[in-house]
Amino acid sequence: MYSSSTASGDCIRPANKTYCRNVVDERKRKRCWIDFLPLVYSQGDYKKTQRLECEEGILGFGKCQISKKRQLRGCANSQRCSKNIPDVPKMCMWSKCDYAVMVGGEWSAQASRSYHEENLRLFWKFLRHHKFNKNHIATFYGSDGGIELDGDPSTSDASPAIKETGIRRHINRLCDSQWCIDTLVIYLTGTAHSNGALLLWDSNDDGLTENAEKYNVKEIFEDIADCNANKVIIVADYSYSGHLAHRLKKYQQTRWRRFENVTVMTSSQSDEYSWGGEFTKALLRRGIGNNTKCMGQLLKVNFRRQGINSTPTLAEGSRGSGNSTVCGKQCGM
């Protein structure tokens, strides 16, 4: 097997996954990388300082990613964790509105990618253009919710995505509200586990993916089961997100009444990587103001004809549930 030596004399070799080419191999259409970095620290180091470093200029290996340096602040049991989550009405009598939840999981500074943050901004602008009230868009991001969305630095636009309980609680409140929500859009992006779980943040810095630090496929469907919204649309742009589509197709045969208003659009199949956040960019490629195609049409026009490196997938909870735009509107309008 091909390997290289570092300046210190250590021997390293590329990490490869079955059915997936390495990022430095440009000969194949479907590229990938290993983006789940372990936490490596010295024995007895109670601060758990990351000893894993990227070394440039090694033959056969890709370039080092630039990781964001963010100030990590404790958030557990803090009011700051939930202060930016919009209120959810319990009952509405005279009007229905569209709501959205956006989740950007980062896991660690080393695993973070700039396009996760960029795509959250793009999707937020997309929702705002399609008349989503900004007070109806809840965003969960990274360790501290540190993302600017509305252009006003004096306001705080997101909550930390460090525990799945806060995210799940908000989605459950939205789905439980009576006669209030027309379309609920859930946008998911970030680092992922191969079983389809979205990783949130390694809040205790132990490098282990504990249950509270990830939002898994089973939990996502538990939260939207029997949702009172007219439509629930999940847009998932992360590796292995096809597990969501696979699960919905399975439920269509056994529990279809609980998910008949649900549509899932994923950036990849369940055994594929998603490449560089390209799915979201392709989704909005024709312009934020011109996205009036049905979701099935978008897959054919914006993805399969554009040479996207993964295989976007659409799944419907019931026949025809995907006959709308990504925002739940009538196609062509």
C-alpha atoms as a PDB file:
ATOM      1  CA  MET A   1       0.000   0.000   0.000  1.00  0.00           C
ATOM      2  CA  TYR A   2       1.262   3.501  -0.846  1.00  0.00           C
ATOM      3  CA  SER A   3       2.735   5.439   2.097  1.00  0.00           C
ATOM      4  CA  SER A   4       4.925   8.471   2.812  1.00  0.00           C
ATOM      5  CA  SER A   5       7.334   9.548   5.515  1.00  0.00           C
ATOM      6  CA  THR A   6       7.135  12.850   7.399  1.00  0.00           C
ATOM      7  CA  ALA A   7      10.092  15.011   8.427  1.00  0.00           C
ATOM      8  CA  SER A   8      10.083  13.339  11.834  1.00  0.00           C
ATOM      9  CA  GLY A   9      10.325   9.899  10.253  1.00  0.00           C
ATOM     10  CA  ASP A  10       6.746   8.812  10.893  1.00  0.00           C
ATOM     11  CA  CYS A  11       5.091   6.645   8.262  1.00  0.00           C
ATOM     12  CA  ILE A  12       1.628   7.667   7.090  1.00  0.00           C
ATOM     13  CA  ARG A  13      -0.714   6.327   4.462  1.00  0.00           C
ATOM     14  CA  PRO A  14      -3.968   7.554   2.865  1.00  0.00           C
ATOM     15  CA  ALA A  15      -7.281   6.766   4.551  1.00  0.00           C
ATOM     16  CA  ASN A  16      -9.688   5.138   2.110  1.00  0.00           C
ATOM     17  CA  LYS A  17     -13.239   3.849   2.412  1.00  0.00           C
ATOM     18  CA  THR A  18     -14.778   1.029   0.435  1.00  0.00           C
ATOM     19  CA  TYR A  19     -16.529   2.182  -2.763  1.00  0.00           C
ATOM     20  CA  CYS A  20     -15.069   5.657  -2.378  1.00  0.00           C
ATOM     21  CA  ARG A  21     -12.007   7.193  -4.019  1.00  0.00           C
ATOM     22  CA  ASN A  22      -9.622   9.415  -2.078  1.00  0.00           C
ATOM     23  CA  VAL A  23      -9.867  13.189  -2.547  1.00  0.00           C
ATOM     24  CA  VAL A  24      -6.451  13.382  -4.224  1.00  0.00           C
ATOM     25  CA  ASP A  25      -7.480  10.932  -6.955  1.00  0.00           C
ATOM     26  CA  GLU A  26      -9.054  13.114  -9.650  1.00  0.00           C
ATOM     27  CA  ARG A  27      -9.552  10.336 -12.193  1.00  0.00           C
ATOM     28  CA  LYS A  28     -12.957   9.283 -10.896  1.00  0.00           C
ATOM     29  CA  ARG A  29     -16.144  11.338 -10.901  1.00  0.00           C
ATOM     30  CA  LYS A  30     -17.150  10.417  -7.354  1.00  0.00           C
ATOM     31  CA  ARG A  31     -14.532  11.841  -5.015  1.00  0.00           C
ATOM     32  CA  CYS A  32     -14.485  11.873  -1.239  1.00  0.00           C
ATOM     33  CA  TRP A  33     -12.428  12.615   1.816  1.00  0.00           C
ATOM     34  CA  ILE A  34     -12.205  11.362   5.391  1.00  0.00           C
ATOM     35  CA  ASP A  35     -13.616  14.329   7.300  1.00  0.00           C
ATOM     36  CA  PHE A  36     -14.183  12.834  10.736  1.00  0.00           C
ATOM     37  CA  LEU A  37     -10.971  13.657  12.605  1.00  0.00           C
ATOM     38  CA  PRO A  38     -10.238  11.906  15.906  1.00  0.00           C
ATOM     39  CA  LEU A  39      -9.189  13.772  19.027  1.00  0.00           C
ATOM     40  CA  VAL A  40      -5.562  12.912  19.768  1.00  0.00           C
ATOM     41  CA  TYR A  41      -4.108  14.092  23.076  1.00  0.00           C
ATOM     42  CA  SER A  42      -1.269  13.096  25.388  1.00  0.00           C
ATOM     43  CA  GLN A  43      -1.827  10.788  28.315  1.00  0.00           C
ATOM     44  CA  GLY A  44      -2.335  12.853  31.455  1.00  0.00           C
ATOM     45  CA  ASP A  45      -3.355  15.992  29.516  1.00  0.00           C
ATOM     46  CA  TYR A  46      -6.589  16.905  31.282  1.00  0.00           C
ATOM     47  CA  LYS A  47      -7.155  19.866  28.942  1.00  0.00           C
ATOM     48  CA  LYS A  48      -7.166  17.362  26.064  1.00  0.00           C
ATOM     49  CA  THR A  49      -5.192  19.560  23.692  1.00  0.00           C
ATOM     50  CA  GLN A  50      -5.540  18.370  20.100  1.00  0.00           C
ATOM     51  CA  ARG A  51      -2.166  16.982  19.022  1.00  0.00           C
ATOM     52  CA  LEU A  52      -3.314  16.077  15.527  1.00  0.00           C
ATOM     53  CA  GLU A  53      -1.820  18.479  12.999  1.00  0.00           C
ATOM     54  CA  CYS A  54      -1.961  18.772   9.236  1.00  0.00           C
ATOM     55  CA  GLU A  55       1.335  18.774   7.365  1.00  0.00           C
ATOM     56  CA  GLU A  56       1.582  20.428   3.957  1.00  0.00           C
ATOM     57  CA  GLY A  57       3.504  19.303   0.911  1.00  0.00           C
ATOM     58  CA  ILE A  58       3.434  15.524   1.269  1.00  0.00           C
ATOM     59  CA  LEU A  59       3.374  13.778  -2.097  1.00  0.00           C
ATOM     60  CA  GLY A  60       0.026  12.118  -2.809  1.00  0.00           C
ATOM     61  CA  PHE A  61      -1.939  13.931  -0.100  1.00  0.00           C
ATOM     62  CA  GLY A  62      -4.401  16.814  -0.367  1.00  0.00           C
ATOM     63  CA  LYS A  63      -3.997  20.347   0.956  1.00  0.00           C
ATOM     64  CA  CYS A  64      -4.656  21.166   4.588  1.00  0.00           C
ATOM     65  CA  GLN A  65      -8.075  22.574   5.383  1.00  0.00           C
ATOM     66  CA  ILE A  66      -8.194  25.920   7.159  1.00  0.00           C
ATOM     67  CA  SER A  67     -10.120  25.425  10.383  1.00  0.00           C
ATOM     68  CA  LYS A  68     -11.962  28.281  12.016  1.00  0.00           C
ATOM     69  CA  LYS A  69     -10.675  29.551  15.326  1.00  0.00           C
ATOM     70  CA  ARG A  70     -13.697  30.183  17.487  1.00  0.00           C
ATOM     71  CA  GLN A  71     -13.931  31.108  21.126  1.00  0.00           C
ATOM     72  CA  LEU A  72     -15.501  28.143  22.873  1.00  0.00           C
ATOM     73  CA  ARG A  73     -17.764  29.035  25.749  1.00  0.00           C
ATOM     74  CA  GLY A  74     -19.630  26.751  28.100  1.00  0.00           C
ATOM     75  CA  CYS A  75     -23.321  26.644  27.296  1.00  0.00           C
ATOM     76  CA  ALA A  76     -24.817  23.780  29.272  1.00  0.00           C
ATOM     77  CA  ASN A  77     -27.658  24.887  31.550  1.00  0.00           C
ATOM     78  CA  SER A  78     -27.180  28.478  30.398  1.00  0.00           C
ATOM     79  CA  GLN A  79     -29.938  30.863  29.369  1.00  0.00           C
ATOM     80  CA  ARG A  80     -27.750  31.919  26.450  1.00  0.00           C
ATOM     81  CA  CYS A  81     -28.299  28.511  24.865  1.00  0.00           C
ATOM     82  CA  SER A  82     -31.979  29.117  24.176  1.00  0.00           C
ATOM     83  CA  LYS A  83     -32.402  32.879  24.057  1.00  0.00           C
ATOM     84  CA  ASN A  84     -32.435  33.017  20.238  1.00  0.00           C
ATOM     85  CA  ILE A  85     -35.034  30.282  19.701  1.00  0.00           C
ATOM     86  CA  PRO A  86     -38.290  31.849  18.421  1.00  0.00           C
ATOM     87  CA  ASP A  87     -41.488  31.358  20.388  1.00  0.00           C
ATOM     88  CA  VAL A  88     -43.953  28.819  19.014  1.00  0.00           C
ATOM     89  CA  PRO A  89     -47.706  29.467  19.259  1.00  0.00           C
ATOM     90  CA  LYS A  90     -49.759  26.616  20.690  1.00  0.00           C
ATOM     91  CA  MET A  91     -52.837  27.395  18.622  1.00  0.00           C
ATOM     92  CA  CYS A  92     -53.746  29.688  15.716  1.00  0.00           C
ATOM     93  CA  MET A  93     -57.294  30.495  14.651  1.00  0.00           C
ATOM     94  CA  TRP A  94     -57.026  33.053  11.854  1.00  0.00           C
ATOM     95  CA  SER A  95     -53.789  32.501   9.977  1.00  0.00           C
ATOM     96  CA  LYS A  96     -51.143  29.958   9.086  1.00  0.00           C
ATOM     97  CA  CYS A  97     -47.471  30.734   8.595  1.00  0.00           C
ATOM     98  CA  ASP A  98     -44.376  29.009   7.267  1.00  0.00           C
ATOM     99  CA  TYR A  99     -41.653  28.050   9.740  1.00  0.00           C
ATOM    100  CA  ALA A 100     -38.117  26.745   9.322  1.00  0.00           C
ATOM    101  CA  VAL A 101     -35.414  25.117  11.427  1.00  0.00           C
ATOM    102  CA  MET A 102     -31.787  25.182  10.256  1.00  0.00           C
ATOM    103  CA  VAL A 103     -29.139  23.033  11.939  1.00  0.00           C
ATOM    104  CA  GLY A 104     -25.411  23.316  11.253  1.00  0.00           C
ATOM    105  CA  GLY A 105     -23.393  20.651  13.036  1.00  0.00           C
ATOM    106  CA  GLU A 106     -19.661  21.333  13.306  1.00  0.00           C
ATOM    107  CA  TRP A 107     -18.414  18.699  15.811  1.00  0.00           C
ATOM    108  CA  SER A 108     -15.003  20.362  16.311  1.00  0.00           C
ATOM    109  CA  ALA A 109     -12.842  23.190  15.014  1.00  0.00           C
ATOM    110  CA  GLN A 110     -10.804  20.654  13.029  1.00  0.00           C
ATOM    111  CA  ALA A 111     -13.881  19.103  11.411  1.00  0.00           C
ATOM    112  CA  SER A 112     -15.565  22.415  10.585  1.00  0.00           C
ATOM    113  CA  ARG A 113     -15.783  23.575   6.987  1.00  0.00           C
ATOM    114  CA  SER A 114     -16.390  27.132   5.807  1.00  0.00           C
ATOM    115  CA  TYR A 115     -19.065  25.973   3.364  1.00  0.00           C
ATOM    116  CA  HIS A 116     -21.273  24.748   6.230  1.00  0.00           C
ATOM    117  CA  GLU A 117     -21.587  28.329   7.438  1.00  0.00           C
ATOM    118  CA  GLU A 118     -21.829  29.695   3.888  1.00  0.00           C
ATOM    119  CA  ASN A 119     -24.649  27.308   2.986  1.00  0.00           C
ATOM    120  CA  LEU A 120     -26.591  28.203   6.129  1.00  0.00           C
ATOM    121  CA  ARG A 121     -26.428  31.840   5.051  1.00  0.00           C
ATOM    122  CA  LEU A 122     -27.503  30.971   1.509  1.00  0.00           C
ATOM    123  CA  PHE A 123     -30.461  28.935   2.696  1.00  0.00           C
ATOM    124  CA  TRP A 124     -31.495  31.619   5.203  1.00  0.00           C
ATOM    125  CA  LYS A 125     -31.530  34.205   2.377  1.00  0.00           C
ATOM    126  CA  PHE A 126     -33.477  31.755   0.233  1.00  0.00           C
ATOM    127  CA  LEU A 127     -36.141  31.369   2.935  1.00  0.00           C
ATOM    128  CA  ARG A 128     -36.340  35.114   3.510  1.00  0.00           C
ATOM    129  CA  HIS A 129     -36.784  35.738  -0.216  1.00  0.00           C
ATOM    130  CA  HIS A 130     -39.706  33.333  -0.179  1.00  0.00           C
ATOM    131  CA  LYS A 131     -41.447  35.355   2.539  1.00  0.00           C
ATOM    132  CA  PHE A 132     -40.445  33.355   5.598  1.00  0.00           C
ATOM    133  CA  ASN A 133     -40.598  35.717   8.561  1.00  0.00           C
ATOM    134  CA  LYS A 134     -37.115  35.888  10.086  1.00  0.00           C
ATOM    135  CA  ASN A 135     -38.697  35.424  13.510  1.00  0.00           C
ATOM    136  CA  HIS A 136     -40.028  32.086  12.257  1.00  0.00           C
ATOM    137  CA  ILE A 137     -36.571  30.752  11.304  1.00  0.00           C
ATOM    138  CA  ALA A 138     -34.721  29.023  14.157  1.00  0.00           C
ATOM    139  CA  THR A 139     -31.019  28.405  13.543  1.00  0.00           C
ATOM    140  CA  PHE A 140     -28.758  26.115  15.569  1.00  0.00           C
ATOM    141  CA  TYR A 141     -25.059  26.321  14.748  1.00  0.00           C
ATOM    142  CA  GLY A 142     -21.715  25.213  16.132  1.00  0.00           C
ATOM    143  CA  SER A 143     -20.547  25.602  19.700  1.00  0.00           C
ATOM    144  CA  ASP A 144     -21.790  29.135  20.272  1.00  0.00           C
ATOM    145  CA  GLY A 145     -24.350  30.044  17.591  1.00  0.00           C
ATOM    146  CA  GLY A 146     -21.756  32.412  16.168  1.00  0.00           C
ATOM    147  CA  ILE A 147     -23.090  33.055  12.669  1.00  0.00           C
ATOM    148  CA  GLU A 148     -24.264  36.332  11.144  1.00  0.00           C
ATOM    149  CA  LEU A 149     -27.435  35.926   9.071  1.00  0.00           C
ATOM    150  CA  ASP A 150     -29.437  39.166   8.885  1.00  0.00           C
ATOM    151  CA  GLY A 151     -26.564  41.604   8.329  1.00  0.00           C
ATOM    152  CA  ASP A 152     -26.993  43.269  11.709  1.00  0.00           C
ATOM    153  CA  PRO A 153     -23.997  42.506  13.971  1.00  0.00           C
ATOM    154  CA  SER A 154     -25.833  43.903  16.990  1.00  0.00           C
ATOM    155  CA  THR A 155     -28.320  41.026  16.936  1.00  0.00           C
ATOM    156  CA  SER A 156     -27.755  37.350  17.712  1.00  0.00           C
ATOM    157  CA  ASP A 157     -29.164  35.137  14.966  1.00  0.00           C
ATOM    158  CA  ALA A 158     -28.583  31.564  16.136  1.00  0.00           C
ATOM    159  CA  SER A 159     -28.397  29.253  19.118  1.00  0.00           C
ATOM    160  CA  PRO A 160     -25.593  26.750  19.791  1.00  0.00           C
ATOM    161  CA  ALA A 161     -26.013  23.269  18.329  1.00  0.00           C
ATOM    162  CA  ILE A 162     -24.292  21.493  21.193  1.00  0.00           C
ATOM    163  CA  LYS A 163     -27.111  19.201  22.334  1.00  0.00           C
ATOM    164  CA  GLU A 164     -29.906  17.597  20.332  1.00  0.00           C
ATOM    165  CA  THR A 165     -32.420  18.161  23.137  1.00  0.00           C
ATOM    166  CA  GLY A 166     -32.903  21.863  22.366  1.00  0.00           C
ATOM    167  CA  ILE A 167     -33.300  21.195  18.653  1.00  0.00           C
ATOM    168  CA  ARG A 168     -35.740  18.362  19.222  1.00  0.00           C
ATOM    169  CA  ARG A 169     -37.759  20.353  21.746  1.00  0.00           C
ATOM    170  CA  HIS A 170     -38.241  23.197  19.270  1.00  0.00           C
ATOM    171  CA  ILE A 171     -39.256  20.910  16.384  1.00  0.00           C
ATOM    172  CA  ASN A 172     -41.697  19.081  18.649  1.00  0.00           C
ATOM    173  CA  ARG A 173     -43.286  22.360  19.703  1.00  0.00           C
ATOM    174  CA  LEU A 174     -43.699  23.362  16.074  1.00  0.00           C
ATOM    175  CA  CYS A 175     -45.295  20.039  15.155  1.00  0.00           C
ATOM    176  CA  ASP A 176     -47.582  20.098  18.205  1.00  0.00           C
ATOM    177  CA  SER A 177     -48.998  23.573  17.512  1.00  0.00           C
ATOM    178  CA  GLN A 178     -52.589  23.462  16.227  1.00  0.00           C
ATOM    179  CA  TRP A 179     -53.580  25.067  12.884  1.00  0.00           C
ATOM    180  CA  CYS A 180     -50.510  27.327  12.878  1.00  0.00           C
ATOM    181  CA  ILE A 181     -48.023  25.983  10.351  1.00  0.00           C
ATOM    182  CA  ASP A 182     -48.516  25.609   6.632  1.00  0.00           C
ATOM    183  CA  THR A 183     -45.000  24.452   5.675  1.00  0.00           C
ATOM    184  CA  LEU A 184     -42.216  23.414   8.048  1.00  0.00           C
ATOM    185  CA  VAL A 185     -38.807  23.364   6.341  1.00  0.00           C
ATOM    186  CA  ILE A 186     -35.916  21.637   8.130  1.00  0.00           C
ATOM    187  CA  TYR A 187     -32.429  22.242   6.695  1.00  0.00           C
ATOM    188  CA  LEU A 188     -29.556  20.065   7.965  1.00  0.00           C
ATOM    189  CA  THR A 189     -25.857  20.412   7.156  1.00  0.00           C
ATOM    190  CA  GLY A 190     -22.511  19.645   8.766  1.00  0.00           C
ATOM    191  CA  THR A 191     -20.275  16.757   9.756  1.00  0.00           C
ATOM    192  CA  ALA A 192     -21.925  13.341   9.839  1.00  0.00           C
ATOM    193  CA  HIS A 193     -21.615   9.769  11.040  1.00  0.00           C
ATOM    194  CA  SER A 194     -21.759   6.944   8.500  1.00  0.00           C
ATOM    195  CA  ASN A 195     -25.125   5.839   9.951  1.00  0.00           C
ATOM    196  CA  GLY A 196     -26.702   9.120   8.817  1.00  0.00           C
ATOM    197  CA  ALA A 197     -26.567  10.935  12.167  1.00  0.00           C
ATOM    198  CA  LEU A 198     -25.707  14.631  12.043  1.00  0.00           C
ATOM    199  CA  LEU A 199     -22.912  15.391  14.507  1.00  0.00           C
ATOM    200  CA  LEU A 200     -23.491  18.530  16.571  1.00  0.00           C
ATOM    201  CA  TRP A 201     -20.608  19.548  18.844  1.00  0.00           C
ATOM    202  CA  ASP A 202     -18.148  17.587  20.955  1.00  0.00           C
ATOM    203  CA  SER A 203     -19.073  19.632  24.017  1.00  0.00           C
ATOM    204  CA  ASN A 204     -16.927  17.690  26.489  1.00  0.00           C
ATOM    205  CA  ASP A 205     -13.932  17.403  24.119  1.00  0.00           C
ATOM    206  CA  ASP A 206     -13.540  13.671  24.588  1.00  0.00           C
ATOM    207  CA  GLY A 207     -13.631  12.820  20.870  1.00  0.00           C
ATOM    208  CA  LEU A 208     -16.496  10.348  21.363  1.00  0.00           C
ATOM    209  CA  THR A 209     -19.810  10.705  19.533  1.00  0.00           C
ATOM    210  CA  GLU A 210     -22.184  10.456  22.465  1.00  0.00           C
ATOM    211  CA  ASN A 211     -25.933  10.279  21.926  1.00  0.00           C
ATOM    212  CA  ALA A 212     -26.578  13.836  23.121  1.00  0.00           C
ATOM    213  CA  GLU A 213     -23.972  15.164  20.672  1.00  0.00           C
ATOM    214  CA  LYS A 214     -25.645  13.883  17.527  1.00  0.00           C
ATOM    215  CA  TYR A 215     -29.059  14.063  15.891  1.00  0.00           C
ATOM    216  CA  ASN A 216     -29.724  10.615  14.506  1.00  0.00           C
ATOM    217  CA  VAL A 217     -32.159   9.457  11.837  1.00  0.00           C
ATOM    218  CA  LYS A 218     -34.513   7.728  14.279  1.00  0.00           C
ATOM    219  CA  GLU A 219     -34.807  10.904  16.389  1.00  0.00           C
ATOM    220  CA  ILE A 220     -35.480  13.088  13.367  1.00  0.00           C
ATOM    221  CA  PHE A 221     -38.448  10.953  12.357  1.00  0.00           C
ATOM    222  CA  GLU A 222     -39.705  10.679  15.922  1.00  0.00           C
ATOM    223  CA  ASP A 223     -39.841  14.481  16.040  1.00  0.00           C
ATOM    224  CA  ILE A 224     -41.847  14.920  12.828  1.00  0.00           C
ATOM    225  CA  ALA A 225     -44.195  11.931  13.195  1.00  0.00           C
ATOM    226  CA  ASP A 226     -47.859  13.026  13.037  1.00  0.00           C
ATOM    227  CA  CYS A 227     -46.710  16.636  12.608  1.00  0.00           C
ATOM    228  CA  ASN A 228     -49.615  19.099  12.440  1.00  0.00           C
ATOM    229  CA  ALA A 229     -47.989  21.162   9.674  1.00  0.00           C
ATOM    230  CA  ASN A 230     -49.578  20.807   6.248  1.00  0.00           C
ATOM    231  CA  LYS A 231     -46.165  19.993   4.763  1.00  0.00           C
ATOM    232  CA  VAL A 232     -42.839  18.983   6.293  1.00  0.00           C
ATOM    233  CA  ILE A 233     -39.846  19.310   3.973  1.00  0.00           C
ATOM    234  CA  ILE A 234     -36.397  18.118   5.033  1.00  0.00           C
ATOM    235  CA  VAL A 235     -33.395  19.291   3.000  1.00  0.00           C
ATOM    236  CA  ALA A 236     -30.241  17.472   4.126  1.00  0.00           C
ATOM    237  CA  ASP A 237     -26.820  18.426   2.759  1.00  0.00           C
ATOM    238  CA  TYR A 238     -24.307  16.183   4.494  1.00  0.00           C
ATOM    239  CA  SER A 239     -22.522  12.891   3.920  1.00  0.00           C
ATOM    240  CA  TYR A 240     -24.635   9.724   4.230  1.00  0.00           C
ATOM    241  CA  SER A 241     -27.832  11.810   4.357  1.00  0.00           C
ATOM    242  CA  GLY A 242     -29.471   9.238   2.092  1.00  0.00           C
ATOM    243  CA  HIS A 243     -30.290   7.303   5.269  1.00  0.00           C
ATOM    244  CA  LEU A 244     -33.124   9.818   5.773  1.00  0.00           C
ATOM    245  CA  ALA A 245     -34.620   9.093   2.355  1.00  0.00           C
ATOM    246  CA  HIS A 246     -34.198   5.351   2.872  1.00  0.00           C
ATOM    247  CA  ARG A 247     -36.001   5.523   6.226  1.00  0.00           C
ATOM    248  CA  LEU A 248     -38.921   7.515   4.799  1.00  0.00           C
ATOM    249  CA  LYS A 249     -39.336   5.046   1.930  1.00  0.00           C
ATOM    250  CA  LYS A 250     -39.452   2.260   4.494  1.00  0.00           C
ATOM    251  CA  TYR A 251     -42.063   4.107   6.550  1.00  0.00           C
ATOM    252  CA  GLN A 252     -44.141   4.698   3.419  1.00  0.00           C
ATOM    253  CA  GLN A 253     -44.820   0.968   3.398  1.00  0.00           C
ATOM    254  CA  THR A 254     -45.457   0.499   7.121  1.00  0.00           C
ATOM    255  CA  ARG A 255     -46.322   3.827   8.806  1.00  0.00           C
ATOM    256  CA  TRP A 256     -47.323   6.052   5.931  1.00  0.00           C
ATOM    257  CA  ARG A 257     -50.127   7.848   7.802  1.00  0.00           C
ATOM    258  CA  ARG A 258     -47.635   9.212  10.326  1.00  0.00           C
ATOM    259  CA  PHE A 259     -45.445  10.703   7.587  1.00  0.00           C
ATOM    260  CA  GLU A 260     -47.812  11.304   4.673  1.00  0.00           C
ATOM    261  CA  ASN A 261     -47.081  15.065   4.696  1.00  0.00           C
ATOM    262  CA  VAL A 262     -43.283  14.606   4.706  1.00  0.00           C
ATOM    263  CA  THR A 263     -40.841  15.011   1.820  1.00  0.00           C
ATOM    264  CA  VAL A 264     -37.099  14.426   2.148  1.00  0.00           C
ATOM    265  CA  MET A 265     -34.438  15.696  -0.263  1.00  0.00           C
ATOM    266  CA  THR A 266     -30.888  14.539   0.468  1.00  0.00           C
ATOM    267  CA  SER A 267     -27.516  15.400  -1.043  1.00  0.00           C
ATOM    268  CA  SER A 268     -26.308  11.808  -1.238  1.00  0.00           C
ATOM    269  CA  GLN A 269     -27.250   8.191  -0.943  1.00  0.00           C
ATOM    270  CA  SER A 270     -26.785   6.381   2.362  1.00  0.00           C
ATOM    271  CA  ASP A 271     -23.310   5.095   1.428  1.00  0.00           C
ATOM    272  CA  GLU A 272     -21.987   8.271  -0.210  1.00  0.00           C
ATOM    273  CA  TYR A 273     -20.052  11.331   0.802  1.00  0.00           C
ATOM    274  CA  SER A 274     -21.376  14.779  -0.064  1.00  0.00           C
ATOM    275  CA  TRP A 275     -18.812  16.870  -1.836  1.00  0.00           C
ATOM    276  CA  GLY A 276     -17.923  20.366  -0.623  1.00  0.00           C
ATOM    277  CA  GLY A 277     -21.455  21.564   0.115  1.00  0.00           C
ATOM    278  CA  GLU A 278     -22.191  21.578  -3.613  1.00  0.00           C
ATOM    279  CA  PHE A 279     -25.751  20.286  -3.148  1.00  0.00           C
ATOM    280  CA  THR A 280     -27.043  23.493  -1.548  1.00  0.00           C
ATOM    281  CA  LYS A 281     -25.283  25.660  -4.119  1.00  0.00           C
ATOM    282  CA  ALA A 282     -26.770  23.603  -6.951  1.00  0.00           C
ATOM    283  CA  LEU A 283     -30.191  23.791  -5.316  1.00  0.00           C
ATOM    284  CA  LEU A 284     -30.016  27.589  -5.492  1.00  0.00           C
ATOM    285  CA  ARG A 285     -27.956  27.771  -8.685  1.00  0.00           C
ATOM    286  CA  ARG A 286     -30.630  29.361 -10.857  1.00  0.00           C
ATOM    287  CA  GLY A 287     -30.989  32.246  -8.484  1.00  0.00           C
ATOM    288  CA  ILE A 288     -32.733  32.692  -5.176  1.00  0.00           C
ATOM    289  CA  GLY A 289     -35.670  34.391  -6.895  1.00  0.00           C
ATOM    290  CA  ASN A 290     -36.244  31.809  -9.643  1.00  0.00           C
ATOM    291  CA  ASN A 291     -36.582  28.591  -7.689  1.00  0.00           C
ATOM    292  CA  THR A 292     -40.168  27.675  -8.559  1.00  0.00           C
ATOM    293  CA  LYS A 293     -39.617  24.136  -9.816  1.00  0.00           C
ATOM    294  CA  CYS A 294     -40.980  21.057  -8.081  1.00  0.00           C
ATOM    295  CA  MET A 295     -38.409  19.192  -6.025  1.00  0.00           C
ATOM    296  CA  GLY A 296     -38.346  16.278  -8.455  1.00  0.00           C
ATOM    297  CA  GLN A 297     -37.611  18.656 -11.337  1.00  0.00           C
ATOM    298  CA  LEU A 298     -34.789  20.238  -9.354  1.00  0.00           C
ATOM    299  CA  LEU A 299     -33.085  16.876  -9.011  1.00  0.00           C
ATOM    300  CA  LYS A 300     -33.100  16.377 -12.778  1.00  0.00           C
ATOM    301  CA  VAL A 301     -32.233  19.928 -13.850  1.00  0.00           C
ATOM    302  CA  ASN A 302     -29.936  21.285 -11.167  1.00  0.00           C
ATOM    303  CA  PHE A 303     -28.148  18.128 -10.092  1.00  0.00           C
ATOM    304  CA  ARG A 304     -28.088  15.205 -12.495  1.00  0.00           C
ATOM    305  CA  ARG A 305     -27.324  17.436 -15.487  1.00  0.00           C
ATOM    306  CA  GLN A 306     -24.671  19.447 -13.660  1.00  0.00           C
ATOM    307  CA  GLY A 307     -22.247  16.644 -12.820  1.00  0.00           C
ATOM    308  CA  ILE A 308     -22.740  16.656  -9.063  1.00  0.00           C
ATOM    309  CA  ASN A 309     -20.333  14.213  -7.431  1.00  0.00           C
ATOM    310  CA  SER A 310     -22.893  12.525  -5.177  1.00  0.00           C
ATOM    311  CA  THR A 311     -26.375  11.202  -5.949  1.00  0.00           C
ATOM    312  CA  PRO A 312     -29.163  13.459  -4.577  1.00  0.00           C
ATOM    313  CA  THR A 313     -32.271  11.535  -3.557  1.00  0.00           C
ATOM    314  CA  LEU A 314     -35.940  12.445  -3.133  1.00  0.00           C
ATOM    315  CA  ALA A 315     -38.359  10.470  -0.958  1.00  0.00           C
ATOM    316  CA  GLU A 316     -42.080  11.102  -0.413  1.00  0.00           C
ATOM    317  CA  GLY A 317     -44.120  10.113   2.614  1.00  0.00           C
ATOM    318  CA  SER A 318     -47.138   9.732   0.342  1.00  0.00           C
ATOM    319  CA  ARG A 319     -47.609   9.885  -3.388  1.00  0.00           C
ATOM    320  CA  GLY A 320     -47.389  13.483  -4.548  1.00  0.00           C
ATOM    321  CA  SER A 321     -46.148  14.977  -1.277  1.00  0.00           C
ATOM    322  CA  GLY A 322     -43.113  16.250  -3.172  1.00  0.00           C
ATOM    323  CA  ASN A 323     -45.169  18.100  -5.778  1.00  0.00           C
ATOM    324  CA  SER A 324     -44.168  21.499  -4.426  1.00  0.00           C
ATOM    325  CA  THR A 325     -41.184  23.805  -4.339  1.00  0.00           C
ATOM    326  CA  VAL A 326     -38.550  23.476  -1.631  1.00  0.00           C
ATOM    327  CA  CYS A 327     -40.497  26.110   0.307  1.00  0.00           C
ATOM    328  CA  GLY A 328     -43.758  24.193   0.008  1.00  0.00           C
ATOM    329  CA  LYS A 329     -45.312  26.478  -2.585  1.00  0.00           C
ATOM    330  CA  GLN A 330     -47.176  25.479  -5.723  1.00  0.00           C
ATOM    331  CA  CYS A 331     -44.781  24.631  -8.546  1.00  0.00           C
ATOM    332  CA  GLY A 332     -44.361  27.201 -11.313  1.00  0.00           C
ATOM    333  CA  MET A 333     -45.758  30.078  -9.297  1.00  0.00           C
END
